[in-house]
């Protein structure tokens, strides 16, 4: 997911997105553990998406607190 797409969401939408990404990442980790994961690069992508979403969420919270 692109940062520009995340910036268009509100705080609640970002929190939901982070929650969904964490669930997806957990599922991928379980697939890796059971040797069912074929594309290991998905782990890296979801980890980065989580970090991106959390960063934008923190920016929006800080922006809201400053007002």
PDB file of N, CA and C in Angstrom:
ATOM      1  N   UNK A   1       0.840  -1.176   0.000  1.00  0.00           N
ATOM      2  CA  UNK A   1       0.000   0.000   0.000  1.00  0.00           C
ATOM      3  C   UNK A   1       0.885   1.240   0.000  1.00  0.00           C
ATOM      4  N   UNK A   2       0.484   2.209  -0.774  1.00  0.00           N
ATOM      5  CA  UNK A   2       1.264   3.431  -0.890  1.00  0.00           C
ATOM      6  C   UNK A   2       0.955   4.389   0.254  1.00  0.00           C
ATOM      7  N   UNK A   3       1.923   5.207   0.572  1.00  0.00           N
ATOM      8  CA  UNK A   3       1.767   6.178   1.660  1.00  0.00           C
ATOM      9  C   UNK A   3       0.683   7.195   1.325  1.00  0.00           C
ATOM     10  N   UNK A   4       0.555   7.548   0.053  1.00  0.00           N
ATOM     11  CA  UNK A   4      -0.469   8.519  -0.330  1.00  0.00           C
ATOM     12  C   UNK A   4      -1.875   7.971  -0.072  1.00  0.00           C
ATOM     13  N   UNK A   5      -2.064   6.677  -0.254  1.00  0.00           N
ATOM     14  CA  UNK A   5      -3.356   6.054   0.032  1.00  0.00           C
ATOM     15  C   UNK A   5      -3.634   6.080   1.532  1.00  0.00           C
ATOM     16  N   UNK A   6      -2.610   5.859   2.331  1.00  0.00           N
ATOM     17  CA  UNK A   6      -2.772   5.856   3.778  1.00  0.00           C
ATOM     18  C   UNK A   6      -3.033   7.251   4.320  1.00  0.00           C
ATOM     19  N   UNK A   7      -2.432   8.253   3.711  1.00  0.00           N
ATOM     20  CA  UNK A   7      -2.606   9.621   4.193  1.00  0.00           C
ATOM     21  C   UNK A   7      -4.042  10.117   3.993  1.00  0.00           C
ATOM     22  N   UNK A   8      -4.762   9.507   3.055  1.00  0.00           N
ATOM     23  CA  UNK A   8      -6.149   9.906   2.811  1.00  0.00           C
ATOM     24  C   UNK A   8      -7.114   9.344   3.852  1.00  0.00           C
ATOM     25  N   UNK A   9      -6.662   8.378   4.651  1.00  0.00           N
ATOM     26  CA  UNK A   9      -7.524   7.760   5.651  1.00  0.00           C
ATOM     27  C   UNK A   9      -7.501   8.557   6.946  1.00  0.00           C
ATOM     28  N   UNK A  10      -8.571   8.400   7.730  1.00  0.00           N
ATOM     29  CA  UNK A  10      -8.609   9.043   9.041  1.00  0.00           C
ATOM     30  C   UNK A  10      -7.941   8.125  10.066  1.00  0.00           C
ATOM     31  N   UNK A  11      -7.878   8.566  11.312  1.00  0.00           N
ATOM     32  CA  UNK A  11      -7.176   7.827  12.362  1.00  0.00           C
ATOM     33  C   UNK A  11      -7.800   6.445  12.577  1.00  0.00           C
ATOM     34  N   UNK A  12      -9.139   6.387  12.599  1.00  0.00           N
ATOM     35  CA  UNK A  12      -9.805   5.092  12.794  1.00  0.00           C
ATOM     36  C   UNK A  12      -9.518   4.141  11.643  1.00  0.00           C
ATOM     37  N   UNK A  13      -9.508   4.663  10.438  1.00  0.00           N
ATOM     38  CA  UNK A  13      -9.194   3.845   9.267  1.00  0.00           C
ATOM     39  C   UNK A  13      -7.772   3.318   9.305  1.00  0.00           C
ATOM     40  N   UNK A  14      -6.858   4.151   9.774  1.00  0.00           N
ATOM     41  CA  UNK A  14      -5.453   3.723   9.883  1.00  0.00           C
ATOM     42  C   UNK A  14      -5.287   2.651  10.961  1.00  0.00           C
ATOM     43  N   UNK A  15      -5.993   2.814  12.077  1.00  0.00           N
ATOM     44  CA  UNK A  15      -5.898   1.803  13.134  1.00  0.00           C
ATOM     45  C   UNK A  15      -6.433   0.463  12.644  1.00  0.00           C
ATOM     46  N   UNK A  16      -7.509   0.491  11.873  1.00  0.00           N
ATOM     47  CA  UNK A  16      -8.072  -0.736  11.316  1.00  0.00           C
ATOM     48  C   UNK A  16      -7.094  -1.363  10.329  1.00  0.00           C
ATOM     49  N   UNK A  17      -6.447  -0.517   9.525  1.00  0.00           N
ATOM     50  CA  UNK A  17      -5.472  -0.995   8.542  1.00  0.00           C
ATOM     51  C   UNK A  17      -4.288  -1.667   9.236  1.00  0.00           C
ATOM     52  N   UNK A  18      -3.783  -1.068  10.313  1.00  0.00           N
ATOM     53  CA  UNK A  18      -2.671  -1.652  11.068  1.00  0.00           C
ATOM     54  C   UNK A  18      -3.094  -3.009  11.637  1.00  0.00           C
ATOM     55  N   UNK A  19      -4.294  -3.066  12.190  1.00  0.00           N
ATOM     56  CA  UNK A  19      -4.800  -4.308  12.767  1.00  0.00           C
ATOM     57  C   UNK A  19      -4.895  -5.401  11.695  1.00  0.00           C
ATOM     58  N   UNK A  20      -5.420  -5.043  10.527  1.00  0.00           N
ATOM     59  CA  UNK A  20      -5.543  -6.009   9.432  1.00  0.00           C
ATOM     60  C   UNK A  20      -4.174  -6.479   8.939  1.00  0.00           C
ATOM     61  N   UNK A  21      -3.230  -5.548   8.855  1.00  0.00           N
ATOM     62  CA  UNK A  21      -1.886  -5.911   8.404  1.00  0.00           C
ATOM     63  C   UNK A  21      -1.191  -6.822   9.411  1.00  0.00           C
ATOM     64  N   UNK A  22      -1.406  -6.571  10.699  1.00  0.00           N
ATOM     65  CA  UNK A  22      -0.798  -7.435  11.718  1.00  0.00           C
ATOM     66  C   UNK A  22      -1.368  -8.851  11.640  1.00  0.00           C
ATOM     67  N   UNK A  23      -2.675  -8.968  11.381  1.00  0.00           N
ATOM     68  CA  UNK A  23      -3.282 -10.294  11.224  1.00  0.00           C
ATOM     69  C   UNK A  23      -2.728 -10.998   9.994  1.00  0.00           C
ATOM     70  N   UNK A  24      -2.587 -10.253   8.903  1.00  0.00           N
ATOM     71  CA  UNK A  24      -2.042 -10.833   7.675  1.00  0.00           C
ATOM     72  C   UNK A  24      -0.606 -11.295   7.893  1.00  0.00           C
ATOM     73  N   UNK A  25       0.177 -10.481   8.604  1.00  0.00           N
ATOM     74  CA  UNK A  25       1.573 -10.846   8.865  1.00  0.00           C
ATOM     75  C   UNK A  25       1.655 -12.101   9.736  1.00  0.00           C
ATOM     76  N   UNK A  26       0.769 -12.198  10.721  1.00  0.00           N
ATOM     77  CA  UNK A  26       0.744 -13.392  11.566  1.00  0.00           C
ATOM     78  C   UNK A  26       0.429 -14.629  10.722  1.00  0.00           C
ATOM     79  N   UNK A  27      -0.541 -14.506   9.838  1.00  0.00           N
ATOM     80  CA  UNK A  27      -0.884 -15.626   8.962  1.00  0.00           C
ATOM     81  C   UNK A  27       0.289 -16.050   8.090  1.00  0.00           C
ATOM     82  N   UNK A  28       1.018 -15.081   7.583  1.00  0.00           N
ATOM     83  CA  UNK A  28       2.192 -15.397   6.756  1.00  0.00           C
ATOM     84  C   UNK A  28       3.277 -16.082   7.584  1.00  0.00           C
ATOM     85  N   UNK A  29       3.457 -15.634   8.821  1.00  0.00           N
ATOM     86  CA  UNK A  29       4.454 -16.269   9.691  1.00  0.00           C
ATOM     87  C   UNK A  29       4.082 -17.716   9.974  1.00  0.00           C
ATOM     88  N   UNK A  30       2.798 -17.964  10.160  1.00  0.00           N
ATOM     89  CA  UNK A  30       2.350 -19.342  10.410  1.00  0.00           C
ATOM     90  C   UNK A  30       2.543 -20.204   9.167  1.00  0.00           C
ATOM     91  N   UNK A  31       2.287 -19.633   7.996  1.00  0.00           N
ATOM     92  CA  UNK A  31       2.519 -20.374   6.756  1.00  0.00           C
ATOM     93  C   UNK A  31       3.999 -20.699   6.590  1.00  0.00           C
ATOM     94  N   UNK A  32       4.846 -19.757   6.968  1.00  0.00           N
ATOM     95  CA  UNK A  32       6.292 -19.993   6.870  1.00  0.00           C
ATOM     96  C   UNK A  32       6.710 -21.103   7.828  1.00  0.00           C
ATOM     97  N   UNK A  33       6.147 -21.091   9.025  1.00  0.00           N
ATOM     98  CA  UNK A  33       6.512 -22.090  10.029  1.00  0.00           C
ATOM     99  C   UNK A  33       6.095 -23.493   9.600  1.00  0.00           C
ATOM    100  N   UNK A  34       4.980 -23.583   8.888  1.00  0.00           N
ATOM    101  CA  UNK A  34       4.497 -24.896   8.435  1.00  0.00           C
ATOM    102  C   UNK A  34       4.978 -25.210   7.020  1.00  0.00           C
ATOM    103  N   UNK A  35       5.873 -24.385   6.505  1.00  0.00           N
ATOM    104  CA  UNK A  35       6.484 -24.554   5.188  1.00  0.00           C
ATOM    105  C   UNK A  35       5.454 -24.559   4.066  1.00  0.00           C
ATOM    106  N   UNK A  36       4.427 -23.724   4.203  1.00  0.00           N
ATOM    107  CA  UNK A  36       3.420 -23.579   3.157  1.00  0.00           C
ATOM    108  C   UNK A  36       3.584 -22.270   2.388  1.00  0.00           C
ATOM    109  N   UNK A  37       4.463 -21.402   2.847  1.00  0.00           N
ATOM    110  CA  UNK A  37       4.653 -20.104   2.210  1.00  0.00           C
ATOM    111  C   UNK A  37       5.592 -20.252   1.027  1.00  0.00           C
ATOM    112  N   UNK A  38       5.120 -19.848  -0.144  1.00  0.00           N
ATOM    113  CA  UNK A  38       5.948 -19.989  -1.340  1.00  0.00           C
ATOM    114  C   UNK A  38       6.716 -18.706  -1.661  1.00  0.00           C
ATOM    115  N   UNK A  39       6.124 -17.554  -1.348  1.00  0.00           N
ATOM    116  CA  UNK A  39       6.755 -16.269  -1.649  1.00  0.00           C
ATOM    117  C   UNK A  39       7.158 -15.583  -0.345  1.00  0.00           C
ATOM    118  N   UNK A  40       8.419 -15.751   0.030  1.00  0.00           N
ATOM    119  CA  UNK A  40       8.903 -15.216   1.303  1.00  0.00           C
ATOM    120  C   UNK A  40       9.021 -13.694   1.301  1.00  0.00           C
ATOM    121  N   UNK A  41       8.990 -13.088   0.142  1.00  0.00           N
ATOM    122  CA  UNK A  41       9.084 -11.629   0.087  1.00  0.00           C
ATOM    123  C   UNK A  41       7.818 -10.957   0.622  1.00  0.00           C
ATOM    124  N   UNK A  42       6.729 -11.699   0.730  1.00  0.00           N
ATOM    125  CA  UNK A  42       5.494 -11.151   1.285  1.00  0.00           C
ATOM    126  C   UNK A  42       5.689 -10.739   2.740  1.00  0.00           C
ATOM    127  N   UNK A  43       6.510 -11.462   3.473  1.00  0.00           N
ATOM    128  CA  UNK A  43       6.784 -11.108   4.871  1.00  0.00           C
ATOM    129  C   UNK A  43       7.400  -9.715   4.961  1.00  0.00           C
ATOM    130  N   UNK A  44       8.377  -9.463   4.113  1.00  0.00           N
ATOM    131  CA  UNK A  44       9.048  -8.166   4.107  1.00  0.00           C
ATOM    132  C   UNK A  44       8.071  -7.059   3.717  1.00  0.00           C
ATOM    133  N   UNK A  45       7.232  -7.327   2.723  1.00  0.00           N
ATOM    134  CA  UNK A  45       6.272  -6.322   2.261  1.00  0.00           C
ATOM    135  C   UNK A  45       5.273  -5.965   3.356  1.00  0.00           C
ATOM    136  N   UNK A  46       4.744  -6.972   4.050  1.00  0.00           N
ATOM    137  CA  UNK A  46       3.759  -6.683   5.091  1.00  0.00           C
ATOM    138  C   UNK A  46       4.412  -5.965   6.270  1.00  0.00           C
ATOM    139  N   UNK A  47       5.645  -6.337   6.601  1.00  0.00           N
ATOM    140  CA  UNK A  47       6.352  -5.664   7.689  1.00  0.00           C
ATOM    141  C   UNK A  47       6.540  -4.179   7.371  1.00  0.00           C
ATOM    142  N   UNK A  48       6.888  -3.893   6.147  1.00  0.00           N
ATOM    143  CA  UNK A  48       7.087  -2.495   5.744  1.00  0.00           C
ATOM    144  C   UNK A  48       5.769  -1.741   5.675  1.00  0.00           C
ATOM    145  N   UNK A  49       4.706  -2.416   5.231  1.00  0.00           N
ATOM    146  CA  UNK A  49       3.387  -1.780   5.199  1.00  0.00           C
ATOM    147  C   UNK A  49       2.924  -1.439   6.613  1.00  0.00           C
ATOM    148  N   UNK A  50       3.191  -2.333   7.557  1.00  0.00           N
ATOM    149  CA  UNK A  50       2.828  -2.073   8.953  1.00  0.00           C
ATOM    150  C   UNK A  50       3.578  -0.848   9.464  1.00  0.00           C
ATOM    151  N   UNK A  51       4.861  -0.796   9.195  1.00  0.00           N
ATOM    152  CA  UNK A  51       5.676   0.330   9.650  1.00  0.00           C
ATOM    153  C   UNK A  51       5.200   1.627   9.009  1.00  0.00           C
ATOM    154  N   UNK A  52       4.877   1.566   7.727  1.00  0.00           N
ATOM    155  CA  UNK A  52       4.403   2.752   7.017  1.00  0.00           C
ATOM    156  C   UNK A  52       3.090   3.256   7.616  1.00  0.00           C
ATOM    157  N   UNK A  53       2.172   2.338   7.867  1.00  0.00           N
ATOM    158  CA  UNK A  53       0.872   2.711   8.428  1.00  0.00           C
ATOM    159  C   UNK A  53       1.020   3.264   9.840  1.00  0.00           C
ATOM    160  N   UNK A  54       1.885   2.648  10.645  1.00  0.00           N
ATOM    161  CA  UNK A  54       2.088   3.132  12.014  1.00  0.00           C
ATOM    162  C   UNK A  54       2.733   4.509  12.023  1.00  0.00           C
ATOM    163  N   UNK A  55       3.631   4.769  11.094  1.00  0.00           N
ATOM    164  CA  UNK A  55       4.290   6.071  11.008  1.00  0.00           C
ATOM    165  C   UNK A  55       3.284   7.162  10.673  1.00  0.00           C
ATOM    166  N   UNK A  56       2.445   6.902   9.685  1.00  0.00           N
ATOM    167  CA  UNK A  56       1.448   7.890   9.290  1.00  0.00           C
ATOM    168  C   UNK A  56       0.419   8.082  10.396  1.00  0.00           C
ATOM    169  N   UNK A  57       0.066   7.001  11.091  1.00  0.00           N
ATOM    170  CA  UNK A  57      -0.864   7.092  12.216  1.00  0.00           C
ATOM    171  C   UNK A  57      -0.283   7.985  13.318  1.00  0.00           C
ATOM    172  N   UNK A  58       0.988   7.807  13.618  1.00  0.00           N
ATOM    173  CA  UNK A  58       1.639   8.636  14.638  1.00  0.00           C
ATOM    174  C   UNK A  58       1.682  10.097  14.203  1.00  0.00           C
ATOM    175  N   UNK A  59       1.944  10.347  12.918  1.00  0.00           N
ATOM    176  CA  UNK A  59       1.961  11.717  12.416  1.00  0.00           C
ATOM    177  C   UNK A  59       0.586  12.366  12.582  1.00  0.00           C
ATOM    178  N   UNK A  60      -0.467  11.613  12.239  1.00  0.00           N
ATOM    179  CA  UNK A  60      -1.824  12.164  12.344  1.00  0.00           C
ATOM    180  C   UNK A  60      -2.209  12.426  13.801  1.00  0.00           C
ATOM    181  N   UNK A  61      -1.809  11.532  14.711  1.00  0.00           N
ATOM    182  CA  UNK A  61      -2.103  11.741  16.127  1.00  0.00           C
ATOM    183  C   UNK A  61      -1.370  12.968  16.659  1.00  0.00           C
ATOM    184  N   UNK A  62      -0.110  13.124  16.250  1.00  0.00           N
ATOM    185  CA  UNK A  62       0.678  14.272  16.687  1.00  0.00           C
ATOM    186  C   UNK A  62       0.098  15.562  16.107  1.00  0.00           C
ATOM    187  N   UNK A  63      -0.340  15.497  14.872  1.00  0.00           N
ATOM    188  CA  UNK A  63      -0.946  16.645  14.202  1.00  0.00           C
ATOM    189  C   UNK A  63      -2.246  17.044  14.903  1.00  0.00           C
ATOM    190  N   UNK A  64      -3.028  16.052  15.327  1.00  0.00           N
ATOM    191  CA  UNK A  64      -4.274  16.315  16.022  1.00  0.00           C
ATOM    192  C   UNK A  64      -4.048  16.887  17.417  1.00  0.00           C
ATOM    193  N   UNK A  65      -2.991  16.455  18.084  1.00  0.00           N
ATOM    194  CA  UNK A  65      -2.683  16.942  19.426  1.00  0.00           C
ATOM    195  C   UNK A  65      -2.145  18.373  19.385  1.00  0.00           C
ATOM    196  N   UNK A  66      -1.508  18.741  18.297  1.00  0.00           N
ATOM    197  CA  UNK A  66      -0.926  20.075  18.169  1.00  0.00           C
ATOM    198  C   UNK A  66      -1.991  21.135  17.960  1.00  0.00           C
ATOM    199  N   UNK A  67      -3.153  20.722  17.450  1.00  0.00           N
ATOM    200  CA  UNK A  67      -4.213  21.694  17.155  1.00  0.00           C
ATOM    201  C   UNK A  67      -4.933  22.144  18.390  1.00  0.00           C
TER     202      UNK A  67
END
